[in-house]
Amino acid sequence: MSFLDTRHKKKSFTLTTLLLSALLLLLFYVGLTYLDPPIENGIAVNFGTMDYGSGEVQPMEKVRSEPRELESEPVPAEQAEPVQPEETVVEEAPVEEVLTSNDEETIKLRQQQEAKRKAEEEAKKAKAEAERIAKEKREAEERKRQEQEAKKKSVDALIGGIGKSDGTTTGSEGDDNRAGDKGQPDGDPYASSYYGAPGSGTGGYGLSGRSLANKGKVQQECNEEGRVVVRITVDRNGRVIKAEPGVKGTTNNAPCLLEPARKTALLHKWNPDPNAPAQQIGFVVVNFKLGQ
């Protein structure tokens, strides 16, 4: 043959033929086997026509049966009605309730947190707004004060001074917008009022254009000495509706003197004046001495 023209090809052909023959013989004797008919899988069930029976003789046809009381007895409730579905329902109900409760608590907690966050934001905004308003107010007051000072200096330079007097010292004190020392020549430099007459004895008072109807005195409960000036607010009927002890002119701020001075000022009564301001400001001076 033309394809077996060399010695090597001839050896290869011979070796291949031998191997294939040996493989065919091996498959013929060692190949897969099977059963005819094959083995059935599963469980063989005995022939019968009822759910019960006894004995060793196997009937080949359907047997005749008679009714029995035992046969007609109903199936026990425990077998006919499984308990498992009821237990499942009972177990699922609490789970649903717990989940619902947790959901409600979570929602409430989130709502509370959100409300708290909003309240904090509102508080911060309100605080910032209050600070801004206070700052603007301070700046406006400072500008107004500077403008007034500049105006006073300008007017004083033009007319050679405001409110000149024959005094030898300098300074300005009062509650007006003009420079000068407001009060009376025979007044007390420590008094809180710029009107009225100086008091004598153990006290004094001042209320512009109003005469005193009656007054009282509350004794101190400690042995202290000093003067307490009380700023009072009087209505048109002459009643003292507000008293603030310890204002300018007070020489002793002991608590055991401030409270009796406040009560003493509340006992003062002025004559009614329908033309007076609704709330008129004045003062009451109470002098305390040792042993009184």
Protein backbone atom coordinates (compact mmCIF):
# COMPACT_ATOMS: atom_id res chain seq x y z
CA MET A 1 0.00 0.00 0.00
CA SER A 2 1.02 3.54 -0.65
CA PHE A 3 0.29 4.76 2.93
CA LEU A 4 2.42 1.94 4.44
CA ASP A 5 5.49 2.78 2.46
CA THR A 6 7.74 3.15 5.48
CA ARG A 7 8.69 0.88 8.36
CA HIS A 8 7.40 3.25 11.00
CA LYS A 9 3.99 3.52 9.41
CA LYS A 10 3.68 -0.23 9.27
CA LYS A 11 4.51 -0.53 12.99
CA SER A 12 1.99 2.17 13.85
CA PHE A 13 -0.77 0.51 11.87
CA THR A 14 -0.08 -2.85 13.51
CA LEU A 15 -0.07 -1.34 17.01
CA THR A 16 -3.30 0.58 16.42
CA THR A 17 -5.08 -2.50 15.11
CA LEU A 18 -4.09 -4.53 18.17
CA LEU A 19 -5.26 -1.87 20.60
CA LEU A 20 -8.66 -1.44 18.94
CA SER A 21 -9.22 -5.21 18.91
CA ALA A 22 -8.37 -5.48 22.61
CA LEU A 23 -10.76 -2.58 23.41
CA LEU A 24 -13.62 -4.25 21.52
CA LEU A 25 -13.09 -7.53 23.36
CA LEU A 26 -12.98 -5.72 26.70
CA LEU A 27 -16.26 -3.93 26.01
CA PHE A 28 -17.90 -7.20 24.95
CA TYR A 29 -17.09 -9.01 28.21
CA VAL A 30 -16.97 -6.16 30.72
CA GLY A 31 -19.74 -3.91 29.33
CA LEU A 32 -22.89 -2.67 31.19
CA THR A 33 -25.50 -5.28 32.03
CA TYR A 34 -29.23 -4.88 32.56
CA LEU A 35 -32.19 -6.97 33.67
CA ASP A 36 -35.15 -7.75 31.50
CA PRO A 37 -37.60 -6.89 32.91
CA PRO A 38 -35.73 -4.32 35.01
CA ILE A 39 -36.06 -4.19 38.81
CA GLU A 40 -38.98 -2.01 39.86
CA ASN A 41 -38.44 0.83 42.31
CA GLY A 42 -40.84 1.68 45.18
CA ILE A 43 -42.89 -0.38 47.63
CA ALA A 44 -45.20 -3.22 46.61
CA VAL A 45 -48.73 -2.78 48.06
CA ASN A 46 -50.92 -5.76 48.94
CA PHE A 47 -54.19 -6.18 47.05
CA GLY A 48 -57.32 -5.37 49.04
CA THR A 49 -60.59 -3.42 49.00
CA MET A 50 -60.80 -2.15 52.60
CA ASP A 51 -58.81 -0.14 55.11
CA TYR A 52 -58.76 -3.05 57.59
CA GLY A 53 -58.49 -6.86 57.55
CA SER A 54 -57.01 -9.97 59.29
CA GLY A 55 -56.04 -13.58 58.45
CA GLU A 56 -53.62 -15.29 56.09
CA VAL A 57 -55.84 -16.18 53.02
CA GLN A 58 -55.55 -13.59 50.24
CA PRO A 59 -58.87 -13.08 48.43
CA MET A 60 -58.53 -12.57 44.70
CA GLU A 61 -61.81 -10.65 44.33
CA LYS A 62 -63.71 -8.00 46.24
CA VAL A 63 -65.15 -9.46 49.46
CA ARG A 64 -68.62 -8.84 50.88
CA SER A 65 -68.74 -6.78 54.08
CA GLU A 66 -71.42 -6.21 56.74
CA PRO A 67 -71.97 -3.03 58.69
CA ARG A 68 -70.79 -3.07 62.28
CA GLU A 69 -71.32 -0.67 65.13
CA LEU A 70 -67.60 -0.40 65.49
CA GLU A 71 -67.26 0.41 61.83
CA SER A 72 -69.93 3.13 61.98
CA GLU A 73 -68.30 4.90 64.90
CA PRO A 74 -67.17 8.35 63.89
CA VAL A 75 -63.52 9.15 63.70
CA PRO A 76 -62.29 10.65 66.99
CA ALA A 77 -62.26 14.42 67.06
CA GLU A 78 -58.56 14.44 67.76
CA GLN A 79 -57.89 12.65 64.44
CA ALA A 80 -60.60 14.33 62.37
CA GLU A 81 -59.76 17.85 63.48
CA PRO A 82 -56.05 18.50 63.57
CA VAL A 83 -55.00 20.96 66.25
CA GLN A 84 -52.06 22.33 64.32
CA PRO A 85 -53.98 24.97 62.31
CA GLU A 86 -55.51 26.37 65.52
CA GLU A 87 -52.09 26.54 67.18
CA THR A 88 -50.69 28.28 64.13
CA VAL A 89 -53.42 30.91 64.26
CA VAL A 90 -52.89 31.47 67.97
CA GLU A 91 -49.14 31.86 67.47
CA GLU A 92 -49.44 34.26 64.55
CA ALA A 93 -51.84 36.68 66.30
CA PRO A 94 -49.40 37.80 69.05
CA VAL A 95 -46.62 38.18 66.48
CA GLU A 96 -48.77 40.52 64.40
CA GLU A 97 -49.74 42.48 67.52
CA VAL A 98 -46.13 42.83 68.61
CA LEU A 99 -45.06 43.97 65.17
CA THR A 100 -47.90 46.47 65.08
CA SER A 101 -46.99 47.75 68.53
CA ASN A 102 -43.34 48.09 67.55
CA ASP A 103 -44.31 49.94 64.39
CA GLU A 104 -46.49 52.36 66.36
CA GLU A 105 -43.76 52.96 68.94
CA THR A 106 -41.21 53.53 66.18
CA ILE A 107 -43.50 56.02 64.45
CA LYS A 108 -44.18 57.85 67.73
CA LEU A 109 -40.47 57.96 68.51
CA ARG A 110 -39.67 59.37 65.10
CA GLN A 111 -42.42 61.96 65.45
CA GLN A 112 -41.09 62.99 68.87
CA GLN A 113 -37.56 63.26 67.52
CA GLU A 114 -38.77 65.32 64.57
CA ALA A 115 -40.80 67.61 66.85
CA LYS A 116 -37.80 68.04 69.15
CA ARG A 117 -35.55 68.86 66.22
CA LYS A 118 -38.01 71.45 64.92
CA ALA A 119 -38.39 72.97 68.37
CA GLU A 120 -34.61 73.28 68.72
CA GLU A 121 -34.38 74.89 65.30
CA GLU A 122 -37.16 77.33 66.18
CA ALA A 123 -35.45 78.15 69.49
CA LYS A 124 -32.16 78.79 67.72
CA LYS A 125 -33.85 81.01 65.17
CA ALA A 126 -35.71 82.93 67.90
CA LYS A 127 -32.49 83.39 69.89
CA ALA A 128 -30.60 84.59 66.82
CA GLU A 129 -33.43 86.98 65.99
CA ALA A 130 -33.50 88.33 69.56
CA GLU A 131 -29.74 88.84 69.51
CA ARG A 132 -29.97 90.62 66.19
CA ILE A 133 -32.74 92.94 67.44
CA ALA A 134 -30.83 93.66 70.66
CA LYS A 135 -27.69 94.44 68.68
CA GLU A 136 -29.55 96.76 66.34
CA LYS A 137 -31.16 98.49 69.34
CA ARG A 138 -27.77 99.01 71.02
CA GLU A 139 -26.30 100.34 67.82
CA ALA A 140 -29.25 102.71 67.35
CA GLU A 141 -28.95 103.97 70.95
CA GLU A 142 -25.23 104.47 70.53
CA ARG A 143 -25.74 106.41 67.29
CA LYS A 144 -28.41 108.53 68.96
CA ARG A 145 -26.16 109.27 71.92
CA GLN A 146 -23.28 110.22 69.65
CA GLU A 147 -25.55 112.45 67.60
CA GLN A 148 -26.83 114.19 70.76
CA GLU A 149 -23.32 114.70 72.07
CA ALA A 150 -22.19 116.07 68.73
CA LYS A 151 -25.22 118.39 68.63
CA LYS A 152 -24.59 119.63 72.18
CA LYS A 153 -20.95 120.29 71.42
CA SER A 154 -21.88 122.12 68.23
CA VAL A 155 -24.51 124.30 69.95
CA ASP A 156 -22.24 124.94 72.93
CA ALA A 157 -19.48 126.08 70.62
CA LEU A 158 -21.84 128.48 68.87
CA ILE A 159 -23.39 130.16 71.94
CA GLY A 160 -20.49 129.81 74.32
CA GLY A 161 -21.90 127.07 76.55
CA ILE A 162 -25.31 125.77 77.64
CA GLY A 163 -26.89 126.56 81.02
CA LYS A 164 -24.05 128.70 82.28
CA SER A 165 -24.06 129.49 86.00
CA ASP A 166 -21.83 131.12 88.55
CA GLY A 167 -20.58 127.78 89.90
CA THR A 168 -16.93 126.81 90.16
CA THR A 169 -17.18 123.13 89.13
CA THR A 170 -18.28 121.26 86.02
CA GLY A 171 -20.56 118.31 85.40
CA SER A 172 -24.04 117.35 84.23
CA GLU A 173 -26.80 115.46 86.04
CA GLY A 174 -30.52 115.08 85.33
CA ASP A 175 -33.14 113.24 83.29
CA ASP A 176 -33.52 115.75 80.42
CA ASN A 177 -31.81 115.93 77.05
CA ARG A 178 -30.06 119.20 77.91
CA ALA A 179 -26.76 119.56 79.74
CA GLY A 180 -26.87 120.95 83.29
CA ASP A 181 -27.41 120.03 86.94
CA LYS A 182 -31.14 119.55 87.45
CA GLY A 183 -32.66 120.11 90.91
CA GLN A 184 -33.02 122.78 93.59
CA PRO A 185 -30.25 124.76 95.39
CA ASP A 186 -31.43 123.55 98.81
CA GLY A 187 -32.00 119.98 97.66
CA ASP A 188 -30.14 116.78 98.52
CA PRO A 189 -27.48 115.81 95.92
CA TYR A 190 -28.26 112.14 96.61
CA ALA A 191 -32.03 112.42 96.19
CA SER A 192 -33.66 110.49 93.32
CA SER A 193 -36.30 113.13 92.51
CA TYR A 194 -35.81 116.54 90.91
CA TYR A 195 -39.08 118.04 92.25
CA GLY A 196 -40.88 118.50 95.54
CA ALA A 197 -39.60 119.79 98.86
CA PRO A 198 -36.80 118.31 100.96
CA GLY A 199 -38.03 116.16 103.83
CA SER A 200 -37.20 116.49 107.48
CA GLY A 201 -37.18 114.21 110.48
CA THR A 202 -37.29 110.49 109.65
CA GLY A 203 -38.27 110.76 105.99
CA GLY A 204 -39.23 112.83 102.96
CA TYR A 205 -41.08 112.57 99.68
CA GLY A 206 -41.39 114.11 96.26
CA LEU A 207 -44.23 114.02 93.71
CA SER A 208 -44.58 116.92 91.29
CA GLY A 209 -47.79 118.96 91.82
CA ARG A 210 -49.32 116.48 94.29
CA SER A 211 -49.86 116.93 98.02
CA LEU A 212 -49.57 114.09 100.51
CA ALA A 213 -52.83 112.99 102.16
CA ASN A 214 -51.43 110.55 104.72
CA LYS A 215 -48.48 108.28 105.32
CA GLY A 216 -47.35 105.45 107.57
CA LYS A 217 -44.19 103.88 108.93
CA VAL A 218 -43.09 100.25 109.18
CA GLN A 219 -40.44 99.55 111.82
CA GLN A 220 -37.27 97.67 111.01
CA GLU A 221 -36.62 94.25 112.47
CA CYS A 222 -32.89 94.77 112.87
CA ASN A 223 -30.80 97.43 114.59
CA GLU A 224 -29.43 99.22 111.50
CA GLU A 225 -28.98 102.85 110.56
CA GLY A 226 -29.18 104.52 107.20
CA ARG A 227 -31.34 106.10 104.54
CA VAL A 228 -33.36 104.20 101.95
CA VAL A 229 -34.76 106.00 98.91
CA VAL A 230 -37.82 104.33 97.36
CA ARG A 231 -38.89 105.05 93.82
CA ILE A 232 -42.71 105.05 93.69
CA THR A 233 -45.37 105.02 90.98
CA VAL A 234 -48.64 106.81 91.86
CA ASP A 235 -51.94 106.65 89.92
CA ARG A 236 -54.52 109.45 89.52
CA ASN A 237 -56.30 108.35 92.70
CA GLY A 238 -53.16 108.96 94.76
CA ARG A 239 -52.41 105.28 95.45
CA VAL A 240 -48.85 103.93 95.31
CA ILE A 241 -49.08 101.05 92.87
CA LYS A 242 -45.37 100.25 92.74
CA ALA A 243 -42.40 100.77 95.07
CA GLU A 244 -38.71 100.08 94.33
CA PRO A 245 -36.39 100.52 97.35
CA GLY A 246 -32.65 101.07 97.17
CA VAL A 247 -32.45 103.57 94.28
CA LYS A 248 -30.04 106.49 94.00
CA GLY A 249 -29.41 108.22 97.33
CA THR A 250 -29.68 105.07 99.47
CA THR A 251 -26.91 104.77 102.07
CA ASN A 252 -27.74 101.34 103.49
CA ASN A 253 -28.92 98.47 101.26
CA ALA A 254 -29.44 95.99 104.09
CA PRO A 255 -32.38 93.67 103.28
CA CYS A 256 -33.83 94.27 106.73
CA LEU A 257 -34.14 97.98 105.81
CA LEU A 258 -35.17 97.70 102.14
CA GLU A 259 -38.34 95.71 102.84
CA PRO A 260 -39.65 98.01 105.66
CA ALA A 261 -38.88 101.02 103.44
CA ARG A 262 -40.87 99.49 100.57
CA LYS A 263 -43.85 98.78 102.84
CA THR A 264 -43.61 102.32 104.27
CA ALA A 265 -43.76 103.80 100.77
CA LEU A 266 -46.83 101.70 99.93
CA LEU A 267 -48.60 103.21 102.96
CA HIS A 268 -48.28 106.75 101.55
CA LYS A 269 -51.41 108.26 100.02
CA TRP A 270 -51.60 111.38 97.81
CA ASN A 271 -54.63 113.52 97.03
CA PRO A 272 -56.48 112.46 93.85
CA ASP A 273 -55.84 114.48 90.69
CA PRO A 274 -57.80 113.61 87.52
CA ASN A 275 -55.42 115.76 85.44
CA ALA A 276 -52.31 113.96 86.65
CA PRO A 277 -50.56 111.31 84.51
CA ALA A 278 -51.96 107.81 84.68
CA GLN A 279 -48.70 106.72 86.32
CA GLN A 280 -46.67 109.46 87.98
CA ILE A 281 -43.13 108.83 89.24
CA GLY A 282 -41.87 110.17 92.57
CA PHE A 283 -39.87 109.13 95.60
CA VAL A 284 -40.11 108.48 99.32
CA VAL A 285 -37.08 108.76 101.62
CA VAL A 286 -37.10 106.67 104.79
CA ASN A 287 -34.42 107.37 107.43
CA PHE A 288 -33.71 104.56 109.89
CA LYS A 289 -31.92 105.17 113.19
CA LEU A 290 -30.43 102.79 115.70
CA GLY A 291 -32.98 101.47 118.14
CA GLN A 292 -35.94 102.53 115.92
